[in-house]
Amino acid sequence: MLEPAILLMDEPFAAVDPATKRRMCKTIEGVREAFGCTMVFVTHDFYEA
């Protein structure tokens, strides 16, 4: 099983519809909780930040 120390995401929501974005947010939260790793999330969206 992989146990990443850090997860880098470069605008993961840039080209997805709102429903997919909500599902992806839940998935990302689950990954963070499961692995307890540091996440770097790049975005140009003020509200996402």
PDB file of N, CA and C in Angstrom:
ATOM      1  N   MET A   1       0.846  -1.180   0.000  1.00  0.00           N
ATOM      2  CA  MET A   1       0.000   0.000   0.000  1.00  0.00           C
ATOM      3  C   MET A   1       0.892   1.246   0.000  1.00  0.00           C
ATOM      4  N   LEU A   2       0.505   2.236  -0.770  1.00  0.00           N
ATOM      5  CA  LEU A   2       1.237   3.499  -0.819  1.00  0.00           C
ATOM      6  C   LEU A   2       0.932   4.336   0.421  1.00  0.00           C
ATOM      7  N   GLU A   3       1.938   5.000   0.932  1.00  0.00           N
ATOM      8  CA  GLU A   3       1.762   5.911   2.056  1.00  0.00           C
ATOM      9  C   GLU A   3       2.495   7.207   1.738  1.00  0.00           C
ATOM     10  N   PRO A   4       1.850   8.069   0.943  1.00  0.00           N
ATOM     11  CA  PRO A   4       2.521   9.304   0.526  1.00  0.00           C
ATOM     12  C   PRO A   4       2.754  10.244   1.699  1.00  0.00           C
ATOM     13  N   ALA A   5       3.890  10.940   1.671  1.00  0.00           N
ATOM     14  CA  ALA A   5       4.182  11.940   2.696  1.00  0.00           C
ATOM     15  C   ALA A   5       3.579  13.281   2.310  1.00  0.00           C
ATOM     16  N   ILE A   6       3.454  13.507   1.004  1.00  0.00           N
ATOM     17  CA  ILE A   6       2.909  14.772   0.512  1.00  0.00           C
ATOM     18  C   ILE A   6       2.145  14.515  -0.786  1.00  0.00           C
ATOM     19  N   LEU A   7       1.064  15.228  -0.966  1.00  0.00           N
ATOM     20  CA  LEU A   7       0.255  15.116  -2.183  1.00  0.00           C
ATOM     21  C   LEU A   7       0.163  16.504  -2.799  1.00  0.00           C
ATOM     22  N   LEU A   8       0.614  16.628  -4.042  1.00  0.00           N
ATOM     23  CA  LEU A   8       0.591  17.904  -4.758  1.00  0.00           C
ATOM     24  C   LEU A   8      -0.562  17.905  -5.760  1.00  0.00           C
ATOM     25  N   MET A   9      -1.389  18.924  -5.703  1.00  0.00           N
ATOM     26  CA  MET A   9      -2.524  19.033  -6.630  1.00  0.00           C
ATOM     27  C   MET A   9      -2.499  20.405  -7.291  1.00  0.00           C
ATOM     28  N   ASP A  10      -2.397  20.440  -8.590  1.00  0.00           N
ATOM     29  CA  ASP A  10      -2.359  21.691  -9.348  1.00  0.00           C
ATOM     30  C   ASP A  10      -3.711  21.919 -10.005  1.00  0.00           C
ATOM     31  N   GLU A  11      -4.514  22.751  -9.394  1.00  0.00           N
ATOM     32  CA  GLU A  11      -5.851  23.101  -9.861  1.00  0.00           C
ATOM     33  C   GLU A  11      -6.692  21.877 -10.245  1.00  0.00           C
ATOM     34  N   PRO A  12      -6.945  20.994  -9.300  1.00  0.00           N
ATOM     35  CA  PRO A  12      -7.693  19.774  -9.621  1.00  0.00           C
ATOM     36  C   PRO A  12      -9.143  20.007 -10.042  1.00  0.00           C
ATOM     37  N   PHE A  13      -9.696  21.187  -9.722  1.00  0.00           N
ATOM     38  CA  PHE A  13     -11.092  21.470 -10.063  1.00  0.00           C
ATOM     39  C   PHE A  13     -11.236  22.406 -11.260  1.00  0.00           C
ATOM     40  N   ALA A  14     -10.176  22.673 -11.961  1.00  0.00           N
ATOM     41  CA  ALA A  14     -10.181  23.683 -13.025  1.00  0.00           C
ATOM     42  C   ALA A  14     -11.191  23.397 -14.139  1.00  0.00           C
ATOM     43  N   ALA A  15     -11.413  22.173 -14.489  1.00  0.00           N
ATOM     44  CA  ALA A  15     -12.259  21.875 -15.648  1.00  0.00           C
ATOM     45  C   ALA A  15     -13.374  20.875 -15.327  1.00  0.00           C
ATOM     46  N   VAL A  16     -13.952  20.984 -14.121  1.00  0.00           N
ATOM     47  CA  VAL A  16     -15.028  20.064 -13.762  1.00  0.00           C
ATOM     48  C   VAL A  16     -16.296  20.832 -13.406  1.00  0.00           C
ATOM     49  N   ASP A  17     -17.425  20.171 -13.568  1.00  0.00           N
ATOM     50  CA  ASP A  17     -18.713  20.780 -13.241  1.00  0.00           C
ATOM     51  C   ASP A  17     -18.909  20.789 -11.720  1.00  0.00           C
ATOM     52  N   PRO A  18     -19.851  21.588 -11.210  1.00  0.00           N
ATOM     53  CA  PRO A  18     -20.045  21.718  -9.756  1.00  0.00           C
ATOM     54  C   PRO A  18     -20.334  20.398  -9.033  1.00  0.00           C
ATOM     55  N   ALA A  19     -21.122  19.521  -9.623  1.00  0.00           N
ATOM     56  CA  ALA A  19     -21.438  18.243  -8.970  1.00  0.00           C
ATOM     57  C   ALA A  19     -20.186  17.377  -8.834  1.00  0.00           C
ATOM     58  N   THR A  20     -19.386  17.333  -9.876  1.00  0.00           N
ATOM     59  CA  THR A  20     -18.149  16.562  -9.828  1.00  0.00           C
ATOM     60  C   THR A  20     -17.185  17.176  -8.828  1.00  0.00           C
ATOM     61  N   LYS A  21     -17.142  18.484  -8.764  1.00  0.00           N
ATOM     62  CA  LYS A  21     -16.277  19.191  -7.819  1.00  0.00           C
ATOM     63  C   LYS A  21     -16.630  18.804  -6.382  1.00  0.00           C
ATOM     64  N   ARG A  22     -17.917  18.749  -6.067  1.00  0.00           N
ATOM     65  CA  ARG A  22     -18.349  18.360  -4.717  1.00  0.00           C
ATOM     66  C   ARG A  22     -17.910  16.936  -4.391  1.00  0.00           C
ATOM     67  N   ARG A  23     -18.073  16.022  -5.343  1.00  0.00           N
ATOM     68  CA  ARG A  23     -17.649  14.630  -5.121  1.00  0.00           C
ATOM     69  C   ARG A  23     -16.140  14.546  -4.938  1.00  0.00           C
ATOM     70  N   MET A  24     -15.414  15.301  -5.749  1.00  0.00           N
ATOM     71  CA  MET A  24     -13.947  15.295  -5.651  1.00  0.00           C
ATOM     72  C   MET A  24     -13.487  15.854  -4.306  1.00  0.00           C
ATOM     73  N   CYS A  25     -14.159  16.876  -3.799  1.00  0.00           N
ATOM     74  CA  CYS A  25     -13.818  17.445  -2.488  1.00  0.00           C
ATOM     75  C   CYS A  25     -13.941  16.381  -1.403  1.00  0.00           C
ATOM     76  N   LYS A  26     -15.022  15.629  -1.443  1.00  0.00           N
ATOM     77  CA  LYS A  26     -15.223  14.559  -0.452  1.00  0.00           C
ATOM     78  C   LYS A  26     -14.151  13.488  -0.586  1.00  0.00           C
ATOM     79  N   THR A  27     -13.795  13.153  -1.808  1.00  0.00           N
ATOM     80  CA  THR A  27     -12.747  12.155  -2.035  1.00  0.00           C
ATOM     81  C   THR A  27     -11.407  12.647  -1.506  1.00  0.00           C
ATOM     82  N   ILE A  28     -11.082  13.897  -1.780  1.00  0.00           N
ATOM     83  CA  ILE A  28      -9.819  14.474  -1.307  1.00  0.00           C
ATOM     84  C   ILE A  28      -9.784  14.501   0.215  1.00  0.00           C
ATOM     85  N   GLU A  29     -10.899  14.861   0.850  1.00  0.00           N
ATOM     86  CA  GLU A  29     -10.961  14.836   2.312  1.00  0.00           C
ATOM     87  C   GLU A  29     -10.726  13.431   2.843  1.00  0.00           C
ATOM     88  N   GLY A  30     -11.306  12.440   2.186  1.00  0.00           N
ATOM     89  CA  GLY A  30     -11.113  11.046   2.593  1.00  0.00           C
ATOM     90  C   GLY A  30      -9.663  10.607   2.474  1.00  0.00           C
ATOM     91  N   VAL A  31      -9.006  11.020   1.408  1.00  0.00           N
ATOM     92  CA  VAL A  31      -7.587  10.689   1.217  1.00  0.00           C
ATOM     93  C   VAL A  31      -6.759  11.327   2.323  1.00  0.00           C
ATOM     94  N   ARG A  32      -7.042  12.584   2.619  1.00  0.00           N
ATOM     95  CA  ARG A  32      -6.295  13.285   3.677  1.00  0.00           C
ATOM     96  C   ARG A  32      -6.467  12.583   5.018  1.00  0.00           C
ATOM     97  N   GLU A  33      -7.696  12.198   5.340  1.00  0.00           N
ATOM     98  CA  GLU A  33      -7.956  11.515   6.604  1.00  0.00           C
ATOM     99  C   GLU A  33      -7.317  10.132   6.641  1.00  0.00           C
ATOM    100  N   ALA A  34      -7.383   9.403   5.531  1.00  0.00           N
ATOM    101  CA  ALA A  34      -6.846   8.046   5.485  1.00  0.00           C
ATOM    102  C   ALA A  34      -5.329   8.006   5.596  1.00  0.00           C
ATOM    103  N   PHE A  35      -4.665   8.945   4.945  1.00  0.00           N
ATOM    104  CA  PHE A  35      -3.203   8.914   4.902  1.00  0.00           C
ATOM    105  C   PHE A  35      -2.551   9.900   5.862  1.00  0.00           C
ATOM    106  N   GLY A  36      -3.272  10.921   6.287  1.00  0.00           N
ATOM    107  CA  GLY A  36      -2.711  11.916   7.186  1.00  0.00           C
ATOM    108  C   GLY A  36      -1.512  12.638   6.598  1.00  0.00           C
ATOM    109  N   CYS A  37      -1.514  12.785   5.278  1.00  0.00           N
ATOM    110  CA  CYS A  37      -0.365  13.402   4.615  1.00  0.00           C
ATOM    111  C   CYS A  37      -0.580  14.904   4.420  1.00  0.00           C
ATOM    112  N   THR A  38       0.509  15.587   4.146  1.00  0.00           N
ATOM    113  CA  THR A  38       0.466  17.004   3.808  1.00  0.00           C
ATOM    114  C   THR A  38      -0.069  17.147   2.393  1.00  0.00           C
ATOM    115  N   MET A  39      -0.943  18.117   2.189  1.00  0.00           N
ATOM    116  CA  MET A  39      -1.494  18.355   0.866  1.00  0.00           C
ATOM    117  C   MET A  39      -1.205  19.784   0.446  1.00  0.00           C
ATOM    118  N   VAL A  40      -0.704  19.946  -0.771  1.00  0.00           N
ATOM    119  CA  VAL A  40      -0.482  21.264  -1.359  1.00  0.00           C
ATOM    120  C   VAL A  40      -1.484  21.391  -2.505  1.00  0.00           C
ATOM    121  N   PHE A  41      -2.361  22.372  -2.378  1.00  0.00           N
ATOM    122  CA  PHE A  41      -3.489  22.540  -3.291  1.00  0.00           C
ATOM    123  C   PHE A  41      -3.341  23.888  -3.986  1.00  0.00           C
ATOM    124  N   VAL A  42      -3.051  23.878  -5.276  1.00  0.00           N
ATOM    125  CA  VAL A  42      -2.881  25.110  -6.043  1.00  0.00           C
ATOM    126  C   VAL A  42      -4.213  25.472  -6.689  1.00  0.00           C
ATOM    127  N   THR A  43      -4.625  26.735  -6.504  1.00  0.00           N
ATOM    128  CA  THR A  43      -5.863  27.200  -7.124  1.00  0.00           C
ATOM    129  C   THR A  43      -5.782  28.704  -7.365  1.00  0.00           C
ATOM    130  N   HIS A  44      -6.524  29.154  -8.341  1.00  0.00           N
ATOM    131  CA  HIS A  44      -6.654  30.586  -8.585  1.00  0.00           C
ATOM    132  C   HIS A  44      -8.043  31.070  -8.190  1.00  0.00           C
ATOM    133  N   ASP A  45      -8.838  30.171  -7.639  1.00  0.00           N
ATOM    134  CA  ASP A  45     -10.199  30.492  -7.205  1.00  0.00           C
ATOM    135  C   ASP A  45     -10.164  30.957  -5.748  1.00  0.00           C
ATOM    136  N   PHE A  46     -10.558  32.194  -5.515  1.00  0.00           N
ATOM    137  CA  PHE A  46     -10.539  32.778  -4.172  1.00  0.00           C
ATOM    138  C   PHE A  46     -11.327  31.943  -3.176  1.00  0.00           C
ATOM    139  N   TYR A  47     -12.489  31.425  -3.574  1.00  0.00           N
ATOM    140  CA  TYR A  47     -13.350  30.686  -2.658  1.00  0.00           C
ATOM    141  C   TYR A  47     -12.804  29.301  -2.327  1.00  0.00           C
ATOM    142  N   GLU A  48     -12.116  28.678  -3.263  1.00  0.00           N
ATOM    143  CA  GLU A  48     -11.483  27.389  -2.985  1.00  0.00           C
ATOM    144  C   GLU A  48     -10.339  27.557  -1.986  1.00  0.00           C
ATOM    145  N   ALA A  49      -9.613  28.658  -2.148  1.00  0.00           N
ATOM    146  CA  ALA A  49      -8.473  28.910  -1.263  1.00  0.00           C
ATOM    147  C   ALA A  49      -8.941  29.094   0.162  1.00  0.00           C
TER     148      ALA A  49
END
